[in-house]
N, C-alpha and C. Protein backbone atom coordinates (compact mmCIF):
# COMPACT_ATOMS: atom_id res chain seq x y z
N UNK A 1 47.62 109.73 124.59
CA UNK A 1 48.62 109.40 123.69
C UNK A 1 48.10 109.28 122.23
N UNK A 2 48.85 109.81 121.29
CA UNK A 2 48.43 109.81 119.91
C UNK A 2 49.68 109.41 119.15
N UNK A 3 49.40 108.60 118.11
CA UNK A 3 50.41 108.13 117.11
C UNK A 3 49.83 108.39 115.75
N UNK A 4 50.76 108.75 114.84
CA UNK A 4 50.32 108.90 113.43
C UNK A 4 51.27 107.92 112.60
N UNK A 5 50.59 107.25 111.67
CA UNK A 5 51.22 106.36 110.73
C UNK A 5 52.23 107.01 109.97
N UNK A 6 53.32 106.40 109.50
CA UNK A 6 54.31 107.10 108.67
C UNK A 6 53.82 107.84 107.50
N UNK A 7 52.78 107.29 106.78
CA UNK A 7 52.19 107.91 105.71
C UNK A 7 51.34 109.09 106.00
N UNK A 8 50.97 109.16 107.29
CA UNK A 8 50.05 110.21 107.78
C UNK A 8 48.54 109.95 107.50
N UNK A 9 48.28 108.75 106.95
CA UNK A 9 46.93 108.34 106.69
C UNK A 9 46.11 108.01 107.97
N UNK A 10 46.73 107.55 109.04
CA UNK A 10 46.06 107.00 110.13
C UNK A 10 46.52 107.71 111.37
N UNK A 11 45.66 108.15 112.25
CA UNK A 11 45.97 108.84 113.52
C UNK A 11 45.14 107.92 114.55
N UNK A 12 45.85 107.48 115.58
CA UNK A 12 45.20 106.72 116.62
C UNK A 12 45.39 107.50 117.97
N UNK A 13 44.38 107.62 118.76
CA UNK A 13 44.53 108.25 120.08
C UNK A 13 44.04 107.24 121.19
N UNK A 14 44.78 107.17 122.20
CA UNK A 14 44.49 106.17 123.24
C UNK A 14 44.57 106.89 124.62
N UNK A 15 44.07 106.10 125.54
CA UNK A 15 44.13 106.49 126.98
C UNK A 15 45.48 106.09 127.66
N UNK A 16 45.71 106.49 128.75
CA UNK A 16 46.91 106.31 129.54
C UNK A 16 47.06 104.72 129.79
N UNK A 17 45.98 104.06 129.84
CA UNK A 17 46.04 102.58 130.12
C UNK A 17 46.29 101.71 128.83
N UNK A 18 46.44 102.42 127.69
CA UNK A 18 46.73 101.75 126.52
C UNK A 18 45.60 101.52 125.50
N UNK A 19 44.35 101.67 126.02
CA UNK A 19 43.16 101.49 125.24
C UNK A 19 43.03 102.58 124.13
N UNK A 20 42.86 102.10 122.93
CA UNK A 20 42.67 103.03 121.76
C UNK A 20 41.15 103.53 121.77
N UNK A 21 40.97 104.86 121.81
CA UNK A 21 39.64 105.33 121.83
C UNK A 21 39.16 106.01 120.56
N UNK A 22 40.15 106.36 119.66
CA UNK A 22 39.67 106.94 118.43
C UNK A 22 40.77 106.67 117.37
N UNK A 23 40.23 106.37 116.09
CA UNK A 23 41.08 106.21 114.99
C UNK A 23 40.57 107.16 113.88
N UNK A 24 41.46 108.08 113.48
CA UNK A 24 41.10 109.01 112.49
C UNK A 24 41.76 108.67 111.11
N UNK A 25 41.02 108.77 110.01
CA UNK A 25 41.65 108.50 108.80
C UNK A 25 41.71 109.86 107.96
N UNK A 26 42.81 110.03 107.24
CA UNK A 26 42.92 111.17 106.37
C UNK A 26 42.53 110.80 104.98
N UNK A 27 42.31 111.82 104.11
CA UNK A 27 42.03 111.53 102.70
C UNK A 27 43.01 110.70 101.97
N UNK A 28 44.12 110.50 102.50
CA UNK A 28 45.21 109.64 101.89
C UNK A 28 44.82 108.16 101.81
N UNK A 29 43.89 107.79 102.66
CA UNK A 29 43.53 106.43 102.71
C UNK A 29 42.94 105.89 101.42
N UNK A 30 42.36 106.79 100.63
CA UNK A 30 41.82 106.40 99.34
C UNK A 30 42.81 105.80 98.38
N UNK A 31 44.13 106.17 98.66
CA UNK A 31 45.15 105.68 97.78
C UNK A 31 45.74 104.33 98.20
N UNK A 32 45.23 103.81 99.44
CA UNK A 32 45.75 102.57 99.99
C UNK A 32 44.81 101.41 99.63
N UNK A 33 45.45 100.29 99.52
CA UNK A 33 44.61 98.99 99.41
C UNK A 33 44.03 98.80 100.82
N UNK A 34 43.06 97.89 100.83
CA UNK A 34 42.45 97.49 102.06
C UNK A 34 43.49 96.75 103.04
N UNK A 35 44.39 96.01 102.45
CA UNK A 35 45.39 95.39 103.25
C UNK A 35 46.38 96.41 103.74
N UNK A 36 46.88 97.41 103.03
CA UNK A 36 47.68 98.50 103.51
C UNK A 36 47.14 99.32 104.60
N UNK A 37 45.76 99.63 104.36
CA UNK A 37 45.06 100.37 105.37
C UNK A 37 44.90 99.57 106.69
N UNK A 38 44.57 98.29 106.54
CA UNK A 38 44.51 97.50 107.76
C UNK A 38 45.75 97.44 108.47
N UNK A 39 46.88 97.25 107.70
CA UNK A 39 48.20 97.24 108.39
C UNK A 39 48.53 98.58 109.16
N UNK A 40 48.25 99.66 108.48
CA UNK A 40 48.50 100.93 109.04
C UNK A 40 47.62 101.21 110.26
N UNK A 41 46.40 100.81 110.25
CA UNK A 41 45.59 100.88 111.49
C UNK A 41 46.04 100.10 112.60
N UNK A 42 46.37 98.82 112.30
CA UNK A 42 46.85 97.97 113.43
C UNK A 42 48.21 98.43 113.95
N UNK A 43 49.14 98.82 113.15
CA UNK A 43 50.44 99.26 113.54
C UNK A 43 50.35 100.55 114.27
N UNK A 44 49.55 101.49 113.84
CA UNK A 44 49.41 102.69 114.44
C UNK A 44 48.77 102.59 115.76
N UNK A 45 47.76 101.75 115.98
CA UNK A 45 47.01 101.46 117.28
C UNK A 45 48.00 100.78 118.24
N UNK A 46 48.79 99.90 117.78
CA UNK A 46 49.78 99.18 118.53
C UNK A 46 50.77 100.19 119.12
N UNK A 47 51.25 101.08 118.32
CA UNK A 47 52.17 102.10 118.71
C UNK A 47 51.59 103.04 119.77
N UNK A 48 50.36 103.49 119.60
CA UNK A 48 49.66 104.24 120.58
C UNK A 48 49.63 103.58 122.02
N UNK A 49 49.26 102.25 121.89
CA UNK A 49 49.25 101.49 123.17
C UNK A 49 50.61 101.34 123.83
N UNK A 50 51.61 101.18 123.00
CA UNK A 50 53.04 100.97 123.48
C UNK A 50 53.50 102.32 124.15
N UNK A 51 53.15 103.41 123.45
CA UNK A 51 53.52 104.83 124.00
C UNK A 51 52.77 105.02 125.37
N UNK A 52 51.61 104.63 125.55
CA UNK A 52 50.86 104.67 126.88
C UNK A 52 51.59 103.89 127.87
N UNK A 53 51.93 102.61 127.52
CA UNK A 53 52.69 101.72 128.44
C UNK A 53 54.00 102.38 128.83
N UNK A 54 54.69 102.93 127.94
CA UNK A 54 55.94 103.58 128.28
C UNK A 54 55.76 104.72 129.22
N UNK A 55 54.73 105.51 128.96
CA UNK A 55 54.40 106.62 129.88
C UNK A 55 54.08 106.07 131.39
N UNK A 56 53.41 104.93 131.44
CA UNK A 56 53.16 104.31 132.76
C UNK A 56 54.55 104.04 133.40
N UNK A 57 55.35 103.35 132.55
CA UNK A 57 56.75 102.93 133.14
C UNK A 57 57.41 104.20 133.51
N UNK A 58 57.44 105.27 132.83
CA UNK A 58 58.14 106.54 133.25
C UNK A 58 57.58 107.05 134.56
N UNK A 59 56.29 107.18 134.63
CA UNK A 59 55.66 107.73 135.91
C UNK A 59 55.93 106.78 137.04
N UNK A 60 55.75 105.51 136.96
CA UNK A 60 56.07 104.62 138.10
C UNK A 60 57.51 104.64 138.43
N UNK A 61 58.38 104.59 137.51
CA UNK A 61 59.91 104.60 137.83
C UNK A 61 60.25 105.90 138.44
N UNK A 62 59.61 107.07 138.08
CA UNK A 62 59.87 108.34 138.75
C UNK A 62 59.46 108.33 140.14
N UNK A 63 58.23 107.82 140.44
CA UNK A 63 57.69 107.73 141.68
C UNK A 63 58.47 106.90 142.62
N UNK A 64 58.88 105.72 142.11
CA UNK A 64 59.68 104.74 142.96
C UNK A 64 60.98 105.29 143.27
N UNK A 65 61.66 106.04 142.25
CA UNK A 65 62.93 106.69 142.53
C UNK A 65 62.78 107.72 143.64
N UNK A 66 61.63 108.46 143.61
CA UNK A 66 61.46 109.50 144.62
C UNK A 66 61.17 108.95 146.00
N UNK A 67 60.73 107.61 145.99
CA UNK A 67 60.52 106.91 147.34
C UNK A 67 61.76 106.21 147.79
N UNK A 68 62.83 106.40 146.90
CA UNK A 68 64.20 105.83 147.37
C UNK A 68 64.49 104.47 146.97
N UNK A 69 63.63 103.99 145.92
CA UNK A 69 63.92 102.59 145.37
C UNK A 69 65.07 102.58 144.35
N UNK A 70 65.77 101.51 144.24
CA UNK A 70 66.89 101.40 143.37
C UNK A 70 66.33 101.47 141.84
N UNK A 71 66.85 102.35 141.04
CA UNK A 71 66.35 102.52 139.66
C UNK A 71 66.44 101.28 138.89
N UNK A 72 67.59 100.59 138.98
CA UNK A 72 67.89 99.34 138.11
C UNK A 72 66.82 98.21 138.50
N UNK A 73 66.57 98.11 139.80
CA UNK A 73 65.57 97.05 140.26
C UNK A 73 64.16 97.46 139.80
N UNK A 74 63.88 98.79 139.99
CA UNK A 74 62.54 99.25 139.57
C UNK A 74 62.39 98.98 138.04
N UNK A 75 63.39 99.38 137.17
CA UNK A 75 63.25 99.12 135.80
C UNK A 75 63.08 97.76 135.41
N UNK A 76 63.82 96.79 136.08
CA UNK A 76 63.70 95.32 135.80
C UNK A 76 62.17 94.95 136.24
N UNK A 77 61.74 95.43 137.39
CA UNK A 77 60.50 94.98 137.79
C UNK A 77 59.35 95.43 136.86
N UNK A 78 59.44 96.68 136.43
CA UNK A 78 58.44 97.20 135.59
C UNK A 78 58.43 96.62 134.16
N UNK A 79 59.61 96.33 133.72
CA UNK A 79 59.81 95.80 132.46
C UNK A 79 59.49 94.29 132.25
N UNK A 80 60.04 93.55 133.26
CA UNK A 80 60.02 92.06 133.13
C UNK A 80 58.86 91.47 133.87
N UNK A 81 58.57 92.02 134.97
CA UNK A 81 57.47 91.50 135.84
C UNK A 81 56.06 92.04 135.49
N UNK A 82 56.04 93.35 135.33
CA UNK A 82 54.72 93.90 134.90
C UNK A 82 54.52 93.98 133.47
N UNK A 83 55.63 94.07 132.66
CA UNK A 83 55.53 94.10 131.22
C UNK A 83 55.31 95.47 130.60
N UNK A 84 55.80 96.55 131.34
CA UNK A 84 55.77 97.85 130.74
C UNK A 84 57.09 98.18 130.05
N UNK A 85 57.09 98.55 128.81
CA UNK A 85 58.35 98.91 128.08
C UNK A 85 58.89 100.24 128.57
N UNK A 86 60.19 100.40 128.49
CA UNK A 86 60.77 101.70 128.77
C UNK A 86 60.43 102.67 127.60
N UNK A 87 60.47 104.07 127.93
CA UNK A 87 60.32 104.92 126.89
C UNK A 87 61.35 104.72 125.68
N UNK A 88 62.56 104.34 126.10
CA UNK A 88 63.60 104.07 125.15
C UNK A 88 63.25 102.97 124.17
N UNK A 89 62.67 101.82 124.81
CA UNK A 89 62.21 100.70 123.95
C UNK A 89 61.26 101.13 122.88
N UNK A 90 60.30 101.95 123.32
CA UNK A 90 59.25 102.40 122.42
C UNK A 90 59.75 103.32 121.32
N UNK A 91 60.69 104.11 121.71
CA UNK A 91 61.33 105.14 120.68
C UNK A 91 62.06 104.14 119.75
N UNK A 92 62.76 103.12 120.18
CA UNK A 92 63.43 102.17 119.12
C UNK A 92 62.49 101.51 118.31
N UNK A 93 61.30 100.99 118.86
CA UNK A 93 60.30 100.43 118.05
C UNK A 93 59.68 101.28 116.97
N UNK A 94 59.52 102.58 117.42
CA UNK A 94 59.02 103.64 116.45
C UNK A 94 60.01 103.83 115.38
N UNK A 95 61.22 103.92 115.67
CA UNK A 95 62.44 104.12 114.76
C UNK A 95 62.49 103.00 113.74
N UNK A 96 62.31 101.79 114.22
CA UNK A 96 62.28 100.53 113.39
C UNK A 96 61.05 100.58 112.47
N UNK A 97 59.87 100.99 112.95
CA UNK A 97 58.65 100.99 112.07
C UNK A 97 58.91 102.12 111.05
N UNK A 98 59.48 103.17 111.31
CA UNK A 98 59.69 104.24 110.38
C UNK A 98 60.73 103.75 109.28
N UNK A 99 61.78 103.18 109.77
CA UNK A 99 62.82 102.66 108.85
C UNK A 99 62.31 101.60 107.93
N UNK A 100 61.40 100.67 108.49
CA UNK A 100 60.78 99.70 107.60
C UNK A 100 59.87 100.31 106.60
N UNK A 101 59.12 101.30 107.06
CA UNK A 101 58.22 102.08 106.07
C UNK A 101 58.93 102.71 105.07
N UNK A 102 60.07 103.44 105.34
CA UNK A 102 60.70 104.22 104.28
C UNK A 102 61.65 103.31 103.46
N UNK A 103 61.98 102.11 103.96
CA UNK A 103 62.72 101.16 103.12
C UNK A 103 61.84 100.29 102.26
N UNK A 104 60.64 100.31 102.58
CA UNK A 104 59.64 99.52 101.78
C UNK A 104 59.66 97.98 102.15
N UNK A 105 60.07 97.70 103.43
CA UNK A 105 60.20 96.29 103.79
C UNK A 105 59.23 95.95 104.90
N UNK A 106 58.15 96.70 105.05
CA UNK A 106 57.24 96.44 106.11
C UNK A 106 56.97 94.98 106.36
């Protein structure tokens, strides 16, 4: 999983289990304050982890559906018992992050 900060200054890559294994910085980081850079690193790493969790949710839900399990029950179990967000949830979180960035209200 890979996520890029809205400014493009930070790219985070993670494993399927949500662990971030690499953070790459572009030359744009020189124009950021330390606090801005820290915020972009933390936010981008969190998004990478959430994307991985959503991928886990998708795979497990697909397998459970193929095994004949009820999709609504499976979704509830994965979301509320295990704590894996749906892909739609993560898309919404990413949209909010972008909206906050472009409105200047991070």
